[in-house]
Amino acid sequence: MIVAIIHSKIVRTLVLIGFLAVAALSLYGVRWLHQPLTAAVNGPQLIEIIDGDSLYRVGHRYGGELGLTHVRFWVWYARLYNLTDIQRGEYELPRELTPVSLLRLLNSGQVKQRTISLIEGTTLKEALSVLEQIPTLSEGEPLTPAAVRQKLQIEQENPEGWLFPDTYAYTKQTTAWQLLEQSHKKLKRVLAQEWEGRAENLPYETPYEALIMASIVEKETGVPHERAEIAGVFVRRLQQGMRLQTDPTIIYGLGDSYQGDIKRKHLRQRTPYNTYVINGLPPTPIALAGREAIHAALHPADGSSLYFVAKGDGSHQFSATLSQHQAAVKQFQLNRKADYRSTQ
């Protein structure tokens, strides 16, 4: 009888000790789940979830770096609260990071966003070169104009101008072709919108011709407020049967042989793009045109000017007659100041 009583007390004591131990461990675990990890001390870090990753794998891969000391308990908690559906991608860890907030972040799919800008007035080759500088984007087949034409199903043999210059967000999983397709679709959308609201009596038969003009306006513009005025000059020249005679088309036609200076021989050199030689518009755009340039090409400013020359501060002197233009050339080009520049 006494032995039974003693045995019963021992059992109850052991049960109580076990209960207290479990309670203490649970309390410690709950506190640990909500305590800052070492990443909160060291500042933002990047971790990446790849295909096939499990919470165990992620925990063991980054546990030491983050101070995730109880990976099994962390995974148990995730299963208990349905937080095991982690999304692949690259995550930037905030300074305030706990095991629980880490789980929520990995389940949110809010992967790190980066941005890349395609600049107005750059050529397609230059835009592709920008994309190629980012290894995660340029993996796969080479980025060439020929590949762009095929992938984006562009009708023209030269796909120049068929991208929209803008800033685009991407993740580590984004490909260059996804960005190119996004840019191409945006260009078509913007061009269609601007064409729908175009002014009357323009010398374009198609939106593509307006895009060609917009690219020339983009290359000639040094200050934004002159876009419509420059477009007006070119539109009036087309309407009067005058050649456009714009230097950026010469440069584009010379391609890699252009060495930074237009010489007299270049003015006479026949290429499909030399508007000192050909009549009308060149066969394709010569650069990426933004919405403002497209709008200017479709809403040219009224006036009588048929010529313009760079003044050396980014702006231009506009003239209605050849004699006025020649005087402006003498003033601003033949007697250039030391601080002359073609852009603002």
Protein backbone atom coordinates (compact mmCIF):
# COMPACT_ATOMS: atom_id res chain seq x y z
CA MET A 1 0.00 0.00 0.00
CA ILE A 2 2.75 2.43 0.98
CA VAL A 3 4.73 1.43 -2.10
CA ALA A 4 1.70 2.14 -4.29
CA ILE A 5 1.25 5.57 -2.74
CA ILE A 6 4.93 6.40 -3.23
CA HIS A 7 4.76 5.17 -6.81
CA SER A 8 1.70 7.29 -7.46
CA LYS A 9 3.41 10.41 -6.10
CA ILE A 10 6.47 9.76 -8.22
CA VAL A 11 4.31 9.40 -11.32
CA ARG A 12 2.45 12.62 -10.55
CA THR A 13 5.74 14.41 -9.92
CA LEU A 14 7.20 13.16 -13.16
CA VAL A 15 4.06 14.15 -15.05
CA LEU A 16 4.18 17.59 -13.47
CA ILE A 17 7.87 17.94 -14.30
CA GLY A 18 7.16 16.84 -17.85
CA PHE A 19 4.28 19.26 -18.14
CA LEU A 20 6.39 22.11 -16.77
CA ALA A 21 9.22 21.18 -19.12
CA VAL A 22 6.90 21.17 -22.12
CA ALA A 23 5.38 24.47 -21.01
CA ALA A 24 8.81 26.00 -20.55
CA LEU A 25 9.96 24.78 -23.95
CA SER A 26 6.76 26.03 -25.57
CA LEU A 27 7.13 29.40 -23.91
CA TYR A 28 10.76 29.57 -25.01
CA GLY A 29 9.78 28.54 -28.54
CA VAL A 30 7.03 31.14 -28.79
CA ARG A 31 9.38 33.84 -27.54
CA TRP A 32 12.06 32.72 -30.02
CA LEU A 33 9.60 32.83 -32.91
CA HIS A 34 8.99 36.52 -32.24
CA GLN A 35 12.51 37.60 -31.36
CA PRO A 36 14.64 39.46 -33.94
CA LEU A 37 17.04 37.33 -35.92
CA THR A 38 20.63 38.40 -36.43
CA ALA A 39 19.65 39.75 -39.86
CA ALA A 40 17.93 42.58 -38.00
CA VAL A 41 21.33 43.59 -36.63
CA ASN A 42 23.35 43.16 -39.80
CA GLY A 43 20.94 45.01 -42.09
CA PRO A 44 19.06 43.86 -45.22
CA GLN A 45 20.22 40.65 -46.88
CA LEU A 46 19.09 38.68 -49.87
CA ILE A 47 17.97 35.08 -49.83
CA GLU A 48 16.73 33.09 -52.77
CA ILE A 49 14.09 30.36 -52.95
CA ILE A 50 14.60 28.10 -55.95
CA ASP A 51 12.44 25.40 -57.49
CA GLY A 52 12.20 22.35 -55.25
CA ASP A 53 13.13 24.19 -52.06
CA SER A 54 11.45 23.07 -48.84
CA LEU A 55 11.35 24.97 -45.58
CA TYR A 56 13.86 22.51 -44.11
CA ARG A 57 16.25 23.14 -46.99
CA VAL A 58 15.85 26.91 -46.76
CA GLY A 59 16.27 26.84 -42.99
CA HIS A 60 19.45 24.81 -43.11
CA ARG A 61 20.88 26.83 -46.02
CA TYR A 62 20.41 30.22 -44.36
CA GLY A 63 20.06 29.21 -40.71
CA GLY A 64 23.60 30.03 -39.69
CA GLU A 65 23.64 33.35 -41.50
CA LEU A 66 20.29 34.46 -40.10
CA GLY A 67 20.55 32.99 -36.63
CA LEU A 68 17.68 30.58 -37.31
CA THR A 69 18.78 28.22 -34.56
CA HIS A 70 15.67 26.03 -34.25
CA VAL A 71 14.81 24.99 -37.79
CA ARG A 72 12.66 21.98 -36.80
CA PHE A 73 10.53 24.07 -34.46
CA TRP A 74 10.28 26.75 -37.17
CA VAL A 75 9.02 24.19 -39.69
CA TRP A 76 6.59 22.68 -37.13
CA TYR A 77 5.14 26.12 -36.50
CA ALA A 78 4.80 26.72 -40.25
CA ARG A 79 2.89 23.46 -40.69
CA LEU A 80 0.66 24.24 -37.72
CA TYR A 81 -0.30 27.63 -39.14
CA ASN A 82 -0.32 26.69 -42.83
CA LEU A 83 2.76 28.74 -43.76
CA THR A 84 4.62 26.14 -45.81
CA ASP A 85 3.64 27.43 -49.28
CA ILE A 86 6.84 29.37 -49.86
CA GLN A 87 7.16 31.15 -53.23
CA ARG A 88 10.30 30.95 -55.33
CA GLY A 89 12.24 34.13 -55.96
CA GLU A 90 14.72 36.51 -54.42
CA TYR A 91 13.75 38.20 -51.16
CA GLU A 92 15.25 41.22 -49.47
CA LEU A 93 15.11 40.83 -45.71
CA PRO A 94 14.03 43.84 -43.65
CA ARG A 95 15.94 44.98 -40.59
CA GLU A 96 13.06 43.95 -38.34
CA LEU A 97 12.99 40.21 -38.98
CA THR A 98 11.73 37.39 -36.76
CA PRO A 99 11.28 33.70 -37.57
CA VAL A 100 7.53 34.30 -37.95
CA SER A 101 7.88 37.37 -40.17
CA LEU A 102 10.39 35.44 -42.28
CA LEU A 103 7.80 32.73 -42.85
CA ARG A 104 5.18 35.28 -43.83
CA LEU A 105 7.59 36.99 -46.21
CA LEU A 106 8.49 33.74 -47.96
CA ASN A 107 4.79 32.88 -48.30
CA SER A 108 3.86 36.35 -49.62
CA GLY A 109 5.67 36.11 -52.94
CA GLN A 110 6.82 39.74 -52.54
CA VAL A 111 10.13 39.14 -54.27
CA LYS A 112 12.77 41.82 -54.72
CA GLN A 113 12.01 44.21 -57.57
CA ARG A 114 14.73 45.85 -59.62
CA THR A 115 14.31 48.41 -62.39
CA ILE A 116 15.91 49.02 -65.76
CA SER A 117 15.46 52.06 -68.00
CA LEU A 118 15.38 52.21 -71.78
CA ILE A 119 16.16 55.82 -72.66
CA GLU A 120 14.45 57.96 -75.31
CA GLY A 121 16.63 58.46 -78.35
CA THR A 122 18.74 55.33 -77.95
CA THR A 123 18.82 52.79 -80.74
CA LEU A 124 17.56 49.24 -80.56
CA LYS A 125 21.13 47.93 -80.45
CA GLU A 126 21.92 50.22 -77.54
CA ALA A 127 18.78 49.11 -75.69
CA LEU A 128 19.70 45.45 -76.19
CA SER A 129 23.20 46.19 -74.91
CA VAL A 130 21.69 47.60 -71.70
CA LEU A 131 19.74 44.36 -71.18
CA GLU A 132 22.83 42.26 -71.88
CA GLN A 133 24.67 43.95 -69.01
CA ILE A 134 22.36 42.19 -66.54
CA PRO A 135 23.34 38.49 -66.38
CA THR A 136 20.00 37.25 -65.06
CA LEU A 137 18.17 38.89 -67.98
CA SER A 138 20.54 37.96 -70.78
CA GLU A 139 20.73 34.22 -70.14
CA GLY A 140 19.75 32.20 -73.19
CA GLU A 141 20.04 33.10 -76.86
CA PRO A 142 21.85 36.32 -77.88
CA LEU A 143 19.87 39.55 -77.99
CA THR A 144 20.08 40.72 -81.60
CA PRO A 145 17.79 42.85 -83.80
CA ALA A 146 17.15 39.78 -85.96
CA ALA A 147 16.06 37.78 -82.90
CA VAL A 148 13.88 40.69 -81.75
CA ARG A 149 12.16 40.81 -85.13
CA GLN A 150 11.47 37.07 -85.04
CA LYS A 151 10.43 36.81 -81.39
CA LEU A 152 8.17 39.88 -81.41
CA GLN A 153 6.84 39.11 -84.90
CA ILE A 154 7.71 42.53 -86.28
CA GLU A 155 6.79 42.98 -89.92
CA GLN A 156 9.62 45.32 -90.92
CA GLU A 157 12.99 43.77 -91.75
CA ASN A 158 14.68 46.31 -89.47
CA PRO A 159 12.87 46.28 -86.08
CA GLU A 160 14.33 49.64 -85.04
CA GLY A 161 11.99 51.82 -82.99
CA TRP A 162 9.55 49.09 -81.97
CA LEU A 163 10.35 49.33 -78.25
CA PHE A 164 8.93 51.89 -75.84
CA PRO A 165 11.50 53.81 -73.78
CA ASP A 166 10.47 53.59 -70.14
CA THR A 167 11.51 52.23 -66.74
CA TYR A 168 10.58 48.58 -66.24
CA ALA A 169 10.48 46.49 -63.07
CA TYR A 170 11.89 42.98 -63.09
CA THR A 171 12.83 40.18 -60.73
CA LYS A 172 15.60 37.61 -60.81
CA GLN A 173 13.21 35.26 -62.61
CA THR A 174 12.39 37.75 -65.37
CA THR A 175 13.92 37.17 -68.80
CA ALA A 176 15.03 39.78 -71.29
CA TRP A 177 12.40 38.55 -73.72
CA GLN A 178 9.64 39.17 -71.20
CA LEU A 179 10.81 42.77 -70.81
CA LEU A 180 11.16 43.20 -74.57
CA GLU A 181 7.66 41.88 -75.15
CA GLN A 182 6.30 44.22 -72.47
CA SER A 183 8.12 47.18 -74.05
CA HIS A 184 6.93 46.27 -77.55
CA LYS A 185 3.30 45.96 -76.47
CA LYS A 186 3.47 49.30 -74.69
CA LEU A 187 4.88 50.98 -77.79
CA LYS A 188 2.03 49.64 -79.92
CA ARG A 189 -0.53 50.71 -77.33
CA VAL A 190 0.86 54.25 -76.99
CA LEU A 191 1.21 54.66 -80.75
CA ALA A 192 -2.38 53.54 -81.32
CA GLN A 193 -3.67 55.93 -78.66
CA GLU A 194 -1.76 58.90 -80.05
CA TRP A 195 -2.71 58.05 -83.64
CA GLU A 196 -6.38 57.99 -82.68
CA GLY A 197 -6.19 61.59 -81.40
CA ARG A 198 -3.91 62.94 -84.14
CA ALA A 199 -4.26 66.36 -85.72
CA GLU A 200 -5.69 66.77 -89.20
CA ASN A 201 -3.86 67.13 -92.53
CA LEU A 202 -0.70 65.31 -91.53
CA PRO A 203 1.65 63.88 -94.19
CA TYR A 204 1.51 60.34 -92.79
CA GLU A 205 -0.43 57.46 -94.25
CA THR A 206 0.18 55.05 -91.36
CA PRO A 207 1.01 55.14 -87.64
CA TYR A 208 4.39 53.65 -88.55
CA GLU A 209 5.28 56.73 -90.58
CA ALA A 210 4.37 58.85 -87.55
CA LEU A 211 6.69 56.66 -85.46
CA ILE A 212 9.52 57.28 -87.93
CA MET A 213 8.95 61.03 -87.62
CA ALA A 214 8.77 60.77 -83.82
CA SER A 215 12.17 59.08 -83.73
CA ILE A 216 13.71 61.94 -85.73
CA VAL A 217 12.08 64.49 -83.43
CA GLU A 218 13.45 62.57 -80.45
CA LYS A 219 16.99 62.67 -81.80
CA GLU A 220 16.83 66.36 -82.76
CA THR A 221 15.29 67.61 -79.51
CA GLY A 222 17.63 69.19 -76.98
CA VAL A 223 14.95 70.75 -74.79
CA PRO A 224 11.55 69.09 -74.29
CA HIS A 225 9.40 72.13 -75.09
CA GLU A 226 10.82 72.27 -78.64
CA ARG A 227 9.50 68.88 -79.73
CA ALA A 228 6.31 70.19 -81.31
CA GLU A 229 8.15 73.08 -83.01
CA ILE A 230 10.76 70.74 -84.48
CA ALA A 231 7.99 68.40 -85.63
CA GLY A 232 6.32 71.41 -87.25
CA VAL A 233 9.45 72.17 -89.27
CA PHE A 234 9.70 68.62 -90.58
CA VAL A 235 5.99 68.34 -91.34
CA ARG A 236 6.02 71.57 -93.35
CA ARG A 237 9.08 70.40 -95.26
CA LEU A 238 7.31 67.16 -96.17
CA GLN A 239 4.20 69.04 -97.20
CA GLN A 240 6.21 71.37 -99.43
CA GLY A 241 8.23 68.58 -101.01
CA MET A 242 11.48 69.60 -99.32
CA ARG A 243 14.01 67.08 -98.08
CA LEU A 244 14.22 66.73 -94.30
CA GLN A 245 18.01 67.20 -94.23
CA THR A 246 18.44 66.07 -90.63
CA ASP A 247 21.84 64.95 -89.38
CA PRO A 248 20.69 62.10 -87.09
CA THR A 249 19.45 60.20 -90.14
CA ILE A 250 22.92 60.47 -91.70
CA ILE A 251 24.48 59.14 -88.51
CA TYR A 252 22.06 56.22 -88.34
CA GLY A 253 22.69 55.34 -91.98
CA LEU A 254 26.46 55.31 -91.45
CA GLY A 255 26.11 52.73 -88.69
CA ASP A 256 29.36 51.56 -87.13
CA SER A 257 31.41 53.59 -89.61
CA TYR A 258 30.32 56.84 -87.95
CA GLN A 259 33.27 58.20 -85.96
CA GLY A 260 31.60 61.10 -84.17
CA ASP A 261 31.86 63.78 -86.83
CA ILE A 262 29.75 64.39 -89.94
CA LYS A 263 31.93 65.35 -92.90
CA ARG A 264 30.94 66.88 -96.23
CA LYS A 265 31.29 63.51 -97.96
CA HIS A 266 28.71 62.07 -95.57
CA LEU A 267 26.15 64.62 -96.75
CA ARG A 268 26.48 63.22 -100.28
CA GLN A 269 26.86 59.56 -99.31
CA ARG A 270 23.79 57.67 -100.43
CA THR A 271 22.22 55.45 -97.80
CA PRO A 272 18.53 54.62 -97.33
CA TYR A 273 18.57 56.96 -94.32
CA ASN A 274 20.43 60.02 -95.63
CA THR A 275 17.66 62.62 -95.78
CA TYR A 276 20.02 65.03 -97.52
CA VAL A 277 19.84 62.62 -100.49
CA ILE A 278 16.49 60.81 -100.25
CA ASN A 279 13.04 62.34 -100.46
CA GLY A 280 10.54 61.97 -97.64
CA LEU A 281 10.99 59.87 -94.52
CA PRO A 282 13.70 57.25 -94.01
CA PRO A 283 12.49 53.64 -94.25
CA THR A 284 12.39 52.98 -90.49
CA PRO A 285 12.69 54.85 -87.21
CA ILE A 286 16.23 55.77 -86.21
CA ALA A 287 15.78 55.45 -82.43
CA LEU A 288 13.32 54.72 -79.63
CA ALA A 289 10.69 57.46 -79.40
CA GLY A 290 8.84 58.30 -76.19
CA ARG A 291 5.21 59.35 -75.86
CA GLU A 292 6.07 63.08 -75.96
CA ALA A 293 7.91 62.74 -79.27
CA ILE A 294 5.10 60.62 -80.74
CA HIS A 295 2.58 63.20 -79.57
CA ALA A 296 4.64 66.01 -81.12
CA ALA A 297 4.88 64.18 -84.45
CA LEU A 298 1.09 63.88 -84.47
CA HIS A 299 0.48 67.41 -83.13
CA PRO A 300 3.14 69.58 -84.80
CA ALA A 301 3.23 73.24 -83.88
CA ASP A 302 1.87 75.72 -86.40
CA GLY A 303 4.22 78.30 -87.86
CA SER A 304 6.29 79.21 -90.89
CA SER A 305 9.75 77.98 -89.90
CA LEU A 306 11.43 75.55 -92.26
CA TYR A 307 14.90 75.47 -90.72
CA PHE A 308 16.55 75.25 -87.33
CA VAL A 309 20.09 75.22 -86.02
CA ALA A 310 21.51 74.34 -82.60
CA LYS A 311 22.39 77.40 -80.54
CA GLY A 312 24.86 75.63 -78.29
CA ASP A 313 22.78 75.59 -75.11
CA GLY A 314 20.54 72.67 -76.05
CA SER A 315 17.94 74.86 -77.77
CA HIS A 316 17.56 75.84 -81.43
CA GLN A 317 17.17 78.94 -83.56
CA PHE A 318 14.21 78.54 -85.93
CA SER A 319 14.05 80.33 -89.28
CA ALA A 320 11.44 80.73 -91.99
CA THR A 321 13.80 81.52 -94.88
CA LEU A 322 17.09 80.16 -96.10
CA SER A 323 18.83 83.53 -95.69
CA GLN A 324 17.71 83.71 -92.05
CA HIS A 325 18.92 80.18 -91.52
CA GLN A 326 22.32 80.89 -93.06
CA ALA A 327 22.72 83.88 -90.76
CA ALA A 328 21.83 81.68 -87.76
CA VAL A 329 24.33 79.03 -88.86
CA LYS A 330 27.03 81.70 -89.07
CA GLN A 331 26.13 83.01 -85.63
CA PHE A 332 25.78 79.74 -83.74
CA GLN A 333 27.75 77.12 -85.70
CA LEU A 334 30.63 78.85 -87.46
CA ASN A 335 31.48 80.90 -84.37
CA ARG A 336 30.91 78.38 -81.63
CA LYS A 337 31.51 79.41 -78.04
CA ALA A 338 33.80 77.41 -75.78
CA ASP A 339 30.84 76.13 -73.76
CA TYR A 340 28.88 74.96 -76.83
CA ARG A 341 26.76 71.86 -76.29
CA SER A 342 24.07 70.16 -78.28
CA THR A 343 21.93 69.15 -75.30
CA GLN A 344 20.51 71.10 -72.39
